[in-house]
N, C-alpha and C. Protein backbone atom coordinates (compact mmCIF):
# COMPACT_ATOMS: atom_id res chain seq x y z
N MET A 1 37.80 10.45 59.91
CA MET A 1 37.86 8.91 59.80
C MET A 1 38.12 8.63 58.20
N ALA A 2 37.39 9.34 57.39
CA ALA A 2 37.38 8.92 56.01
C ALA A 2 38.89 9.06 55.42
N PRO A 3 39.61 10.14 55.59
CA PRO A 3 40.96 10.20 55.15
C PRO A 3 41.85 9.05 55.58
N ARG A 4 41.74 8.70 56.89
CA ARG A 4 42.59 7.63 57.33
C ARG A 4 42.24 6.28 56.64
N ILE A 5 40.90 6.04 56.43
CA ILE A 5 40.43 4.88 55.84
C ILE A 5 40.98 4.76 54.43
N SER A 6 40.89 5.85 53.64
CA SER A 6 41.45 5.83 52.29
C SER A 6 42.83 5.66 52.27
N LEU A 7 43.57 6.27 53.25
CA LEU A 7 45.09 6.14 53.25
C LEU A 7 45.49 4.64 53.56
N ALA A 8 44.81 4.07 54.54
CA ALA A 8 45.02 2.67 54.79
C ALA A 8 44.77 1.87 53.52
N LEU A 9 43.58 2.09 52.80
CA LEU A 9 43.26 1.35 51.64
C LEU A 9 44.31 1.47 50.55
N PHE A 10 44.77 2.79 50.27
CA PHE A 10 45.79 2.99 49.42
C PHE A 10 47.17 2.25 49.75
N LEU A 11 47.49 2.41 51.03
CA LEU A 11 48.72 1.62 51.39
C LEU A 11 48.63 0.14 51.14
N SER A 12 47.46 -0.46 51.54
CA SER A 12 47.34 -1.88 51.34
C SER A 12 47.29 -2.19 49.87
N LEU A 13 46.60 -1.42 49.08
CA LEU A 13 46.70 -1.74 47.61
C LEU A 13 48.08 -1.67 47.13
N ASN A 14 48.80 -0.58 47.55
CA ASN A 14 50.10 -0.54 47.04
C ASN A 14 51.04 -1.68 47.43
N LEU A 15 50.86 -2.15 48.64
CA LEU A 15 51.61 -3.27 49.09
C LEU A 15 51.33 -4.49 48.19
N LEU A 16 49.94 -4.64 47.97
CA LEU A 16 49.45 -5.79 47.17
C LEU A 16 49.98 -5.65 45.73
N PHE A 17 49.97 -4.57 45.25
CA PHE A 17 50.66 -4.35 43.90
C PHE A 17 52.08 -4.74 43.86
N SER A 18 52.82 -4.26 44.84
CA SER A 18 54.31 -4.55 44.83
C SER A 18 54.57 -6.04 45.11
N LEU A 19 53.57 -6.64 45.80
CA LEU A 19 53.74 -8.19 46.04
C LEU A 19 53.49 -8.89 44.71
N THR A 20 52.59 -8.40 43.95
CA THR A 20 52.22 -9.13 42.70
C THR A 20 53.38 -8.97 41.74
N LEU A 21 53.92 -7.71 41.71
CA LEU A 21 55.11 -7.41 40.84
C LEU A 21 56.28 -8.33 41.21
N LEU A 22 56.46 -8.52 42.51
CA LEU A 22 57.63 -9.36 43.07
C LEU A 22 57.31 -10.82 42.60
N LEU A 23 56.07 -11.11 42.83
CA LEU A 23 55.76 -12.51 42.32
C LEU A 23 56.00 -12.88 40.77
N LYS A 24 55.54 -11.76 39.96
CA LYS A 24 55.75 -11.89 38.56
C LYS A 24 57.26 -11.96 38.25
N ALA A 25 58.08 -11.20 38.92
CA ALA A 25 59.44 -11.22 38.64
C ALA A 25 60.09 -12.60 39.07
N LEU A 26 59.55 -13.13 40.19
CA LEU A 26 60.09 -14.50 40.57
C LEU A 26 59.58 -15.48 39.60
N VAL A 27 58.43 -15.39 39.12
CA VAL A 27 57.95 -16.47 38.11
C VAL A 27 58.81 -16.38 36.79
N LEU A 28 59.14 -15.06 36.44
CA LEU A 28 59.85 -14.94 35.14
C LEU A 28 61.28 -15.32 35.47
N LYS A 29 61.89 -15.18 36.56
CA LYS A 29 63.27 -15.63 36.68
C LYS A 29 63.31 -17.17 36.99
N ILE A 30 62.38 -17.65 37.76
CA ILE A 30 62.45 -19.16 38.12
C ILE A 30 61.73 -20.01 37.11
N PRO A 31 62.21 -21.05 36.68
CA PRO A 31 61.41 -21.97 35.76
C PRO A 31 60.09 -22.42 36.34
N CYS A 32 59.20 -22.71 35.54
CA CYS A 32 57.92 -23.00 35.92
C CYS A 32 57.70 -24.27 36.82
N ARG A 33 58.62 -25.12 36.54
CA ARG A 33 58.49 -26.52 37.24
C ARG A 33 58.91 -26.19 38.60
N SER A 34 59.93 -25.46 39.07
CA SER A 34 60.28 -25.26 40.39
C SER A 34 59.22 -24.44 41.13
N VAL A 35 58.53 -23.62 40.46
CA VAL A 35 57.42 -22.77 41.00
C VAL A 35 56.26 -23.76 41.34
N TYR A 36 55.93 -24.66 40.43
CA TYR A 36 54.82 -25.59 40.73
C TYR A 36 55.37 -26.65 41.89
N ALA A 37 56.56 -26.87 41.97
CA ALA A 37 56.97 -27.76 42.98
C ALA A 37 56.98 -27.12 44.36
N LEU A 38 57.25 -25.74 44.45
CA LEU A 38 57.17 -24.96 45.54
C LEU A 38 55.45 -24.79 45.98
N MET A 39 54.73 -24.72 45.03
CA MET A 39 53.34 -24.52 45.28
C MET A 39 52.68 -25.79 45.95
N PHE A 40 53.17 -26.95 45.25
CA PHE A 40 52.66 -28.17 45.77
C PHE A 40 53.29 -28.60 47.08
N SER A 41 54.51 -28.19 47.33
CA SER A 41 55.13 -28.60 48.61
C SER A 41 54.47 -27.82 49.79
N MET A 42 53.93 -26.68 49.53
CA MET A 42 53.30 -25.90 50.68
C MET A 42 52.00 -26.59 51.12
């Protein structure tokens, strides 16, 4: 059980890290105003 749990945790952390990198890239490419507009429209 332990190896499966650690593998799932590693995969989820890897996914979270890639998502944060993607978000950072989007924030760097897109101006802040449009990002805030997207956040407030949701």
